[in-house]
Amino acid sequence: MGEKITGGTLYQMDDGADTGAILLQDWCHIRPDDTAQTLWQRELAPMGLRLFQQYLRNWQSIQPKAQDETLATFEPAFAVGKLSG
């Protein structure tokens, strides 16, 4: 999709889709030759583990913050076998 950065968010669940208050976030660069697999293995899976560890160690002091809707991004919808949209 041409993105140069991506990241992960640990957030509180609510009734919406990815709309809960943010607990922790991190980001990383996407390399030009990355695939979903290489990015996941090198950056995103370890990032998710770090975010959970950080939360579990510090949950009492972490202050949830509302998401800024002006910065929201969405994955495109996928149909079986092809991109839709």
PDB file of N, CA and C in Angstrom:
ATOM      1  N   MET A   1       0.818  -1.195   0.000  1.00  0.00           N
ATOM      2  CA  MET A   1       0.000   0.000   0.000  1.00  0.00           C
ATOM      3  C   MET A   1       0.862   1.260   0.000  1.00  0.00           C
ATOM      4  N   GLY A   2       2.177   1.121  -0.087  1.00  0.00           N
ATOM      5  CA  GLY A   2       3.055   2.268  -0.182  1.00  0.00           C
ATOM      6  C   GLY A   2       3.383   2.957   1.126  1.00  0.00           C
ATOM      7  N   GLU A   3       2.963   2.411   2.236  1.00  0.00           N
ATOM      8  CA  GLU A   3       3.248   3.019   3.541  1.00  0.00           C
ATOM      9  C   GLU A   3       4.733   2.882   3.870  1.00  0.00           C
ATOM     10  N   LYS A   4       5.284   3.865   4.554  1.00  0.00           N
ATOM     11  CA  LYS A   4       6.689   3.824   4.956  1.00  0.00           C
ATOM     12  C   LYS A   4       6.863   3.519   6.441  1.00  0.00           C
ATOM     13  N   ILE A   5       5.809   3.708   7.213  1.00  0.00           N
ATOM     14  CA  ILE A   5       5.837   3.372   8.631  1.00  0.00           C
ATOM     15  C   ILE A   5       4.560   2.632   8.993  1.00  0.00           C
ATOM     16  N   THR A   6       4.639   1.856  10.048  1.00  0.00           N
ATOM     17  CA  THR A   6       3.469   1.170  10.587  1.00  0.00           C
ATOM     18  C   THR A   6       3.694   1.040  12.085  1.00  0.00           C
ATOM     19  N   GLY A   7       2.791   0.434  12.761  1.00  0.00           N
ATOM     20  CA  GLY A   7       2.969   0.307  14.194  1.00  0.00           C
ATOM     21  C   GLY A   7       1.938  -0.595  14.817  1.00  0.00           C
ATOM     22  N   GLY A   8       1.928  -0.551  16.122  1.00  0.00           N
ATOM     23  CA  GLY A   8       0.994  -1.351  16.879  1.00  0.00           C
ATOM     24  C   GLY A   8       0.420  -0.547  18.024  1.00  0.00           C
ATOM     25  N   THR A   9      -0.790  -0.878  18.400  1.00  0.00           N
ATOM     26  CA  THR A   9      -1.484  -0.179  19.482  1.00  0.00           C
ATOM     27  C   THR A   9      -2.114  -1.199  20.409  1.00  0.00           C
ATOM     28  N   LEU A  10      -1.909  -1.008  21.675  1.00  0.00           N
ATOM     29  CA  LEU A  10      -2.620  -1.758  22.697  1.00  0.00           C
ATOM     30  C   LEU A  10      -3.711  -0.821  23.186  1.00  0.00           C
ATOM     31  N   TYR A  11      -4.955  -1.238  23.080  1.00  0.00           N
ATOM     32  CA  TYR A  11      -6.058  -0.345  23.426  1.00  0.00           C
ATOM     33  C   TYR A  11      -7.115  -1.085  24.208  1.00  0.00           C
ATOM     34  N   GLN A  12      -7.958  -0.325  24.883  1.00  0.00           N
ATOM     35  CA  GLN A  12      -9.075  -0.899  25.621  1.00  0.00           C
ATOM     36  C   GLN A  12     -10.173  -1.279  24.645  1.00  0.00           C
ATOM     37  N   MET A  13     -10.739  -2.446  24.849  1.00  0.00           N
ATOM     38  CA  MET A  13     -11.853  -2.889  24.004  1.00  0.00           C
ATOM     39  C   MET A  13     -13.111  -2.096  24.359  1.00  0.00           C
ATOM     40  N   ASP A  14     -13.869  -1.766  23.335  1.00  0.00           N
ATOM     41  CA  ASP A  14     -15.174  -1.145  23.521  1.00  0.00           C
ATOM     42  C   ASP A  14     -16.116  -1.718  22.472  1.00  0.00           C
ATOM     43  N   ASP A  15     -17.258  -1.085  22.239  1.00  0.00           N
ATOM     44  CA  ASP A  15     -18.241  -1.628  21.311  1.00  0.00           C
ATOM     45  C   ASP A  15     -17.895  -1.386  19.837  1.00  0.00           C
ATOM     46  N   GLY A  16     -16.922  -0.535  19.545  1.00  0.00           N
ATOM     47  CA  GLY A  16     -16.552  -0.246  18.166  1.00  0.00           C
ATOM     48  C   GLY A  16     -15.438  -1.149  17.668  1.00  0.00           C
ATOM     49  N   ALA A  17     -15.046  -0.954  16.423  1.00  0.00           N
ATOM     50  CA  ALA A  17     -13.932  -1.687  15.823  1.00  0.00           C
ATOM     51  C   ALA A  17     -12.681  -0.824  15.937  1.00  0.00           C
ATOM     52  N   ASP A  18     -11.753  -1.225  16.790  1.00  0.00           N
ATOM     53  CA  ASP A  18     -10.504  -0.482  17.017  1.00  0.00           C
ATOM     54  C   ASP A  18     -10.748   0.962  17.457  1.00  0.00           C
ATOM     55  N   THR A  19     -11.719   1.173  18.314  1.00  0.00           N
ATOM     56  CA  THR A  19     -12.066   2.539  18.713  1.00  0.00           C
ATOM     57  C   THR A  19     -11.799   2.838  20.184  1.00  0.00           C
ATOM     58  N   GLY A  20     -11.335   1.855  20.938  1.00  0.00           N
ATOM     59  CA  GLY A  20     -11.131   2.043  22.369  1.00  0.00           C
ATOM     60  C   GLY A  20      -9.975   2.970  22.692  1.00  0.00           C
ATOM     61  N   ALA A  21      -9.902   3.372  23.948  1.00  0.00           N
ATOM     62  CA  ALA A  21      -8.837   4.261  24.410  1.00  0.00           C
ATOM     63  C   ALA A  21      -7.477   3.583  24.260  1.00  0.00           C
ATOM     64  N   ILE A  22      -6.472   4.370  23.873  1.00  0.00           N
ATOM     65  CA  ILE A  22      -5.114   3.874  23.666  1.00  0.00           C
ATOM     66  C   ILE A  22      -4.412   3.696  25.008  1.00  0.00           C
ATOM     67  N   LEU A  23      -3.797   2.524  25.178  1.00  0.00           N
ATOM     68  CA  LEU A  23      -2.995   2.268  26.361  1.00  0.00           C
ATOM     69  C   LEU A  23      -1.511   2.471  26.056  1.00  0.00           C
ATOM     70  N   LEU A  24      -1.032   1.874  24.985  1.00  0.00           N
ATOM     71  CA  LEU A  24       0.366   1.994  24.565  1.00  0.00           C
ATOM     72  C   LEU A  24       0.444   1.908  23.052  1.00  0.00           C
ATOM     73  N   GLN A  25       1.464   2.556  22.474  1.00  0.00           N
ATOM     74  CA  GLN A  25       1.691   2.486  21.033  1.00  0.00           C
ATOM     75  C   GLN A  25       3.184   2.466  20.746  1.00  0.00           C
ATOM     76  N   ASP A  26       3.533   1.922  19.574  1.00  0.00           N
ATOM     77  CA  ASP A  26       4.897   1.966  19.068  1.00  0.00           C
ATOM     78  C   ASP A  26       4.822   1.958  17.552  1.00  0.00           C
ATOM     79  N   TRP A  27       5.919   2.250  16.897  1.00  0.00           N
ATOM     80  CA  TRP A  27       5.933   2.298  15.439  1.00  0.00           C
ATOM     81  C   TRP A  27       7.267   1.756  14.929  1.00  0.00           C
ATOM     82  N   CYS A  28       7.315   1.487  13.618  1.00  0.00           N
ATOM     83  CA  CYS A  28       8.546   1.030  12.976  1.00  0.00           C
ATOM     84  C   CYS A  28       8.507   1.423  11.501  1.00  0.00           C
ATOM     85  N   HIS A  29       9.681   1.391  10.887  1.00  0.00           N
ATOM     86  CA  HIS A  29       9.783   1.648   9.446  1.00  0.00           C
ATOM     87  C   HIS A  29       9.440   0.380   8.665  1.00  0.00           C
ATOM     88  N   ILE A  30       8.852   0.558   7.499  1.00  0.00           N
ATOM     89  CA  ILE A  30       8.618  -0.530   6.554  1.00  0.00           C
ATOM     90  C   ILE A  30       9.702  -0.412   5.488  1.00  0.00           C
ATOM     91  N   ARG A  31      10.490  -1.443   5.334  1.00  0.00           N
ATOM     92  CA  ARG A  31      11.563  -1.434   4.330  1.00  0.00           C
ATOM     93  C   ARG A  31      10.969  -1.662   2.941  1.00  0.00           C
ATOM     94  N   PRO A  32      11.616  -1.109   1.911  1.00  0.00           N
ATOM     95  CA  PRO A  32      11.078  -1.265   0.548  1.00  0.00           C
ATOM     96  C   PRO A  32      10.891  -2.721   0.123  1.00  0.00           C
ATOM     97  N   ASP A  33      11.733  -3.626   0.617  1.00  0.00           N
ATOM     98  CA  ASP A  33      11.643  -5.023   0.209  1.00  0.00           C
ATOM     99  C   ASP A  33      10.854  -5.883   1.196  1.00  0.00           C
ATOM    100  N   ASP A  34      10.204  -5.274   2.181  1.00  0.00           N
ATOM    101  CA  ASP A  34       9.433  -6.038   3.157  1.00  0.00           C
ATOM    102  C   ASP A  34       8.235  -6.722   2.518  1.00  0.00           C
ATOM    103  N   THR A  35       7.950  -7.895   3.033  1.00  0.00           N
ATOM    104  CA  THR A  35       6.685  -8.568   2.773  1.00  0.00           C
ATOM    105  C   THR A  35       5.930  -8.550   4.093  1.00  0.00           C
ATOM    106  N   ALA A  36       4.675  -8.944   4.067  1.00  0.00           N
ATOM    107  CA  ALA A  36       3.926  -9.019   5.323  1.00  0.00           C
ATOM    108  C   ALA A  36       4.648  -9.945   6.308  1.00  0.00           C
ATOM    109  N   GLN A  37       5.200 -11.034   5.810  1.00  0.00           N
ATOM    110  CA  GLN A  37       5.884 -11.995   6.670  1.00  0.00           C
ATOM    111  C   GLN A  37       7.162 -11.423   7.276  1.00  0.00           C
ATOM    112  N   THR A  38       8.004 -10.786   6.471  1.00  0.00           N
ATOM    113  CA  THR A  38       9.263 -10.255   7.015  1.00  0.00           C
ATOM    114  C   THR A  38       9.000  -9.126   8.002  1.00  0.00           C
ATOM    115  N   LEU A  39       8.037  -8.277   7.696  1.00  0.00           N
ATOM    116  CA  LEU A  39       7.697  -7.176   8.607  1.00  0.00           C
ATOM    117  C   LEU A  39       7.149  -7.725   9.923  1.00  0.00           C
ATOM    118  N   TRP A  40       6.282  -8.727   9.845  1.00  0.00           N
ATOM    119  CA  TRP A  40       5.720  -9.343  11.044  1.00  0.00           C
ATOM    120  C   TRP A  40       6.830  -9.974  11.885  1.00  0.00           C
ATOM    121  N   GLN A  41       7.677 -10.750  11.262  1.00  0.00           N
ATOM    122  CA  GLN A  41       8.716 -11.460  12.006  1.00  0.00           C
ATOM    123  C   GLN A  41       9.750 -10.514  12.612  1.00  0.00           C
ATOM    124  N   ARG A  42      10.188  -9.525  11.857  1.00  0.00           N
ATOM    125  CA  ARG A  42      11.247  -8.632  12.307  1.00  0.00           C
ATOM    126  C   ARG A  42      10.754  -7.562  13.285  1.00  0.00           C
ATOM    127  N   GLU A  43       9.567  -7.021  13.049  1.00  0.00           N
ATOM    128  CA  GLU A  43       9.115  -5.841  13.791  1.00  0.00           C
ATOM    129  C   GLU A  43       7.820  -6.032  14.585  1.00  0.00           C
ATOM    130  N   LEU A  44       6.759  -6.440  13.904  1.00  0.00           N
ATOM    131  CA  LEU A  44       5.430  -6.354  14.515  1.00  0.00           C
ATOM    132  C   LEU A  44       5.176  -7.383  15.616  1.00  0.00           C
ATOM    133  N   ALA A  45       5.580  -8.625  15.423  1.00  0.00           N
ATOM    134  CA  ALA A  45       5.385  -9.622  16.488  1.00  0.00           C
ATOM    135  C   ALA A  45       6.191  -9.254  17.733  1.00  0.00           C
ATOM    136  N   PRO A  46       7.497  -8.933  17.597  1.00  0.00           N
ATOM    137  CA  PRO A  46       8.239  -8.510  18.791  1.00  0.00           C
ATOM    138  C   PRO A  46       7.666  -7.242  19.427  1.00  0.00           C
ATOM    139  N   MET A  47       7.178  -6.322  18.606  1.00  0.00           N
ATOM    140  CA  MET A  47       6.582  -5.095  19.127  1.00  0.00           C
ATOM    141  C   MET A  47       5.354  -5.417  19.978  1.00  0.00           C
ATOM    142  N   GLY A  48       4.500  -6.291  19.493  1.00  0.00           N
ATOM    143  CA  GLY A  48       3.320  -6.674  20.249  1.00  0.00           C
ATOM    144  C   GLY A  48       3.679  -7.283  21.590  1.00  0.00           C
ATOM    145  N   LEU A  49       4.684  -8.139  21.603  1.00  0.00           N
ATOM    146  CA  LEU A  49       5.135  -8.735  22.865  1.00  0.00           C
ATOM    147  C   LEU A  49       5.677  -7.681  23.821  1.00  0.00           C
ATOM    148  N   ARG A  50       6.457  -6.726  23.289  1.00  0.00           N
ATOM    149  CA  ARG A  50       6.987  -5.646  24.137  1.00  0.00           C
ATOM    150  C   ARG A  50       5.870  -4.796  24.717  1.00  0.00           C
ATOM    151  N   LEU A  51       4.855  -4.477  23.906  1.00  0.00           N
ATOM    152  CA  LEU A  51       3.742  -3.663  24.398  1.00  0.00           C
ATOM    153  C   LEU A  51       2.992  -4.384  25.512  1.00  0.00           C
ATOM    154  N   PHE A  52       2.734  -5.679  25.327  1.00  0.00           N
ATOM    155  CA  PHE A  52       2.054  -6.444  26.383  1.00  0.00           C
ATOM    156  C   PHE A  52       2.907  -6.523  27.646  1.00  0.00           C
ATOM    157  N   GLN A  53       4.205  -6.768  27.496  1.00  0.00           N
ATOM    158  CA  GLN A  53       5.089  -6.815  28.668  1.00  0.00           C
ATOM    159  C   GLN A  53       5.084  -5.485  29.406  1.00  0.00           C
ATOM    160  N   GLN A  54       5.198  -4.400  28.651  1.00  0.00           N
ATOM    161  CA  GLN A  54       5.209  -3.069  29.256  1.00  0.00           C
ATOM    162  C   GLN A  54       3.899  -2.817  30.006  1.00  0.00           C
ATOM    163  N   TYR A  55       2.780  -3.205  29.400  1.00  0.00           N
ATOM    164  CA  TYR A  55       1.498  -3.006  30.059  1.00  0.00           C
ATOM    165  C   TYR A  55       1.400  -3.836  31.336  1.00  0.00           C
ATOM    166  N   LEU A  56       1.782  -5.096  31.262  1.00  0.00           N
ATOM    167  CA  LEU A  56       1.675  -5.965  32.434  1.00  0.00           C
ATOM    168  C   LEU A  56       2.561  -5.496  33.581  1.00  0.00           C
ATOM    169  N   ARG A  57       3.707  -4.901  33.258  1.00  0.00           N
ATOM    170  CA  ARG A  57       4.602  -4.384  34.299  1.00  0.00           C
ATOM    171  C   ARG A  57       4.112  -3.072  34.900  1.00  0.00           C
ATOM    172  N   ASN A  58       3.386  -2.284  34.119  1.00  0.00           N
ATOM    173  CA  ASN A  58       3.057  -0.914  34.527  1.00  0.00           C
ATOM    174  C   ASN A  58       1.571  -0.591  34.470  1.00  0.00           C
ATOM    175  N   TRP A  59       0.699  -1.583  34.456  1.00  0.00           N
ATOM    176  CA  TRP A  59      -0.713  -1.339  34.200  1.00  0.00           C
ATOM    177  C   TRP A  59      -1.343  -0.343  35.167  1.00  0.00           C
ATOM    178  N   GLN A  60      -0.867  -0.288  36.393  1.00  0.00           N
ATOM    179  CA  GLN A  60      -1.481   0.617  37.370  1.00  0.00           C
ATOM    180  C   GLN A  60      -1.172   2.089  37.091  1.00  0.00           C
ATOM    181  N   SER A  61      -0.083   2.349  36.380  1.00  0.00           N
ATOM    182  CA  SER A  61       0.295   3.739  36.132  1.00  0.00           C
ATOM    183  C   SER A  61      -0.017   4.207  34.706  1.00  0.00           C
ATOM    184  N   ILE A  62      -0.503   3.321  33.855  1.00  0.00           N
ATOM    185  CA  ILE A  62      -0.801   3.702  32.470  1.00  0.00           C
ATOM    186  C   ILE A  62      -2.161   4.382  32.404  1.00  0.00           C
ATOM    187  N   GLN A  63      -2.176   5.574  31.837  1.00  0.00           N
ATOM    188  CA  GLN A  63      -3.401   6.362  31.704  1.00  0.00           C
ATOM    189  C   GLN A  63      -3.937   6.230  30.276  1.00  0.00           C
ATOM    190  N   PRO A  64      -5.094   5.594  30.094  1.00  0.00           N
ATOM    191  CA  PRO A  64      -5.681   5.496  28.750  1.00  0.00           C
ATOM    192  C   PRO A  64      -5.957   6.881  28.178  1.00  0.00           C
ATOM    193  N   LYS A  65      -5.775   7.006  26.867  1.00  0.00           N
ATOM    194  CA  LYS A  65      -6.101   8.283  26.222  1.00  0.00           C
ATOM    195  C   LYS A  65      -6.987   8.020  25.011  1.00  0.00           C
ATOM    196  N   ALA A  66      -7.915   8.907  24.784  1.00  0.00           N
ATOM    197  CA  ALA A  66      -8.843   8.767  23.663  1.00  0.00           C
ATOM    198  C   ALA A  66      -8.076   8.812  22.350  1.00  0.00           C
ATOM    199  N   GLN A  67      -8.553   8.045  21.384  1.00  0.00           N
ATOM    200  CA  GLN A  67      -7.941   8.081  20.058  1.00  0.00           C
ATOM    201  C   GLN A  67      -8.274   9.398  19.364  1.00  0.00           C
ATOM    202  N   ASP A  68      -7.329   9.921  18.606  1.00  0.00           N
ATOM    203  CA  ASP A  68      -7.540  11.112  17.794  1.00  0.00           C
ATOM    204  C   ASP A  68      -8.107  10.657  16.454  1.00  0.00           C
ATOM    205  N   GLU A  69      -9.387  10.878  16.241  1.00  0.00           N
ATOM    206  CA  GLU A  69     -10.058  10.418  15.029  1.00  0.00           C
ATOM    207  C   GLU A  69      -9.456  11.009  13.753  1.00  0.00           C
ATOM    208  N   THR A  70      -8.813  12.174  13.846  1.00  0.00           N
ATOM    209  CA  THR A  70      -8.217  12.776  12.642  1.00  0.00           C
ATOM    210  C   THR A  70      -6.991  12.002  12.182  1.00  0.00           C
ATOM    211  N   LEU A  71      -6.446  11.132  13.023  1.00  0.00           N
ATOM    212  CA  LEU A  71      -5.276  10.337  12.657  1.00  0.00           C
ATOM    213  C   LEU A  71      -5.629   8.884  12.345  1.00  0.00           C
ATOM    214  N   ALA A  72      -6.902   8.541  12.373  1.00  0.00           N
ATOM    215  CA  ALA A  72      -7.322   7.155  12.149  1.00  0.00           C
ATOM    216  C   ALA A  72      -7.066   6.739  10.702  1.00  0.00           C
ATOM    217  N   THR A  73      -6.626   5.503  10.544  1.00  0.00           N
ATOM    218  CA  THR A  73      -6.468   4.894   9.225  1.00  0.00           C
ATOM    219  C   THR A  73      -7.215   3.577   9.229  1.00  0.00           C
ATOM    220  N   PHE A  74      -7.568   3.102   8.053  1.00  0.00           N
ATOM    221  CA  PHE A  74      -8.337   1.875   7.947  1.00  0.00           C
ATOM    222  C   PHE A  74      -7.731   0.964   6.900  1.00  0.00           C
ATOM    223  N   GLU A  75      -7.771  -0.336   7.164  1.00  0.00           N
ATOM    224  CA  GLU A  75      -7.371  -1.335   6.176  1.00  0.00           C
ATOM    225  C   GLU A  75      -8.434  -1.363   5.088  1.00  0.00           C
ATOM    226  N   PRO A  76      -8.021  -1.560   3.835  1.00  0.00           N
ATOM    227  CA  PRO A  76      -9.034  -1.720   2.796  1.00  0.00           C
ATOM    228  C   PRO A  76      -9.751  -3.055   2.967  1.00  0.00           C
ATOM    229  N   ALA A  77     -10.976  -3.124   2.492  1.00  0.00           N
ATOM    230  CA  ALA A  77     -11.734  -4.371   2.556  1.00  0.00           C
ATOM    231  C   ALA A  77     -11.172  -5.356   1.528  1.00  0.00           C
ATOM    232  N   PHE A  78     -11.116  -6.623   1.892  1.00  0.00           N
ATOM    233  CA  PHE A  78     -10.638  -7.648   0.993  1.00  0.00           C
ATOM    234  C   PHE A  78     -11.765  -8.612   0.679  1.00  0.00           C
ATOM    235  N   ALA A  79     -11.873  -8.987  -0.580  1.00  0.00           N
ATOM    236  CA  ALA A  79     -12.797 -10.038  -0.981  1.00  0.00           C
ATOM    237  C   ALA A  79     -11.964 -11.297  -1.193  1.00  0.00           C
ATOM    238  N   VAL A  80     -12.571 -12.440  -1.133  1.00  0.00           N
ATOM    239  CA  VAL A  80     -11.840 -13.685  -1.336  1.00  0.00           C
ATOM    240  C   VAL A  80     -11.182 -13.662  -2.712  1.00  0.00           C
ATOM    241  N   GLY A  81      -9.849 -13.781  -2.704  1.00  0.00           N
ATOM    242  CA  GLY A  81      -9.124 -13.866  -3.971  1.00  0.00           C
ATOM    243  C   GLY A  81      -8.788 -12.548  -4.632  1.00  0.00           C
ATOM    244  N   LYS A  82      -9.272 -11.412  -4.118  1.00  0.00           N
ATOM    245  CA  LYS A  82      -8.937 -10.132  -4.766  1.00  0.00           C
ATOM    246  C   LYS A  82      -9.154  -8.984  -3.799  1.00  0.00           C
ATOM    247  N   LEU A  83      -8.548  -7.859  -4.112  1.00  0.00           N
ATOM    248  CA  LEU A  83      -8.784  -6.636  -3.346  1.00  0.00           C
ATOM    249  C   LEU A  83     -10.079  -6.022  -3.822  1.00  0.00           C
ATOM    250  N   SER A  84     -10.847  -5.504  -2.912  1.00  0.00           N
ATOM    251  CA  SER A  84     -12.048  -4.787  -3.328  1.00  0.00           C
ATOM    252  C   SER A  84     -11.894  -3.324  -2.974  1.00  0.00           C
ATOM    253  N   GLY A  85     -12.532  -2.467  -3.698  1.00  0.00           N
ATOM    254  CA  GLY A  85     -12.476  -1.055  -3.379  1.00  0.00           C
ATOM    255  C   GLY A  85     -11.780  -0.227  -4.382  1.00  0.00           C
TER     256      GLY A  85
END
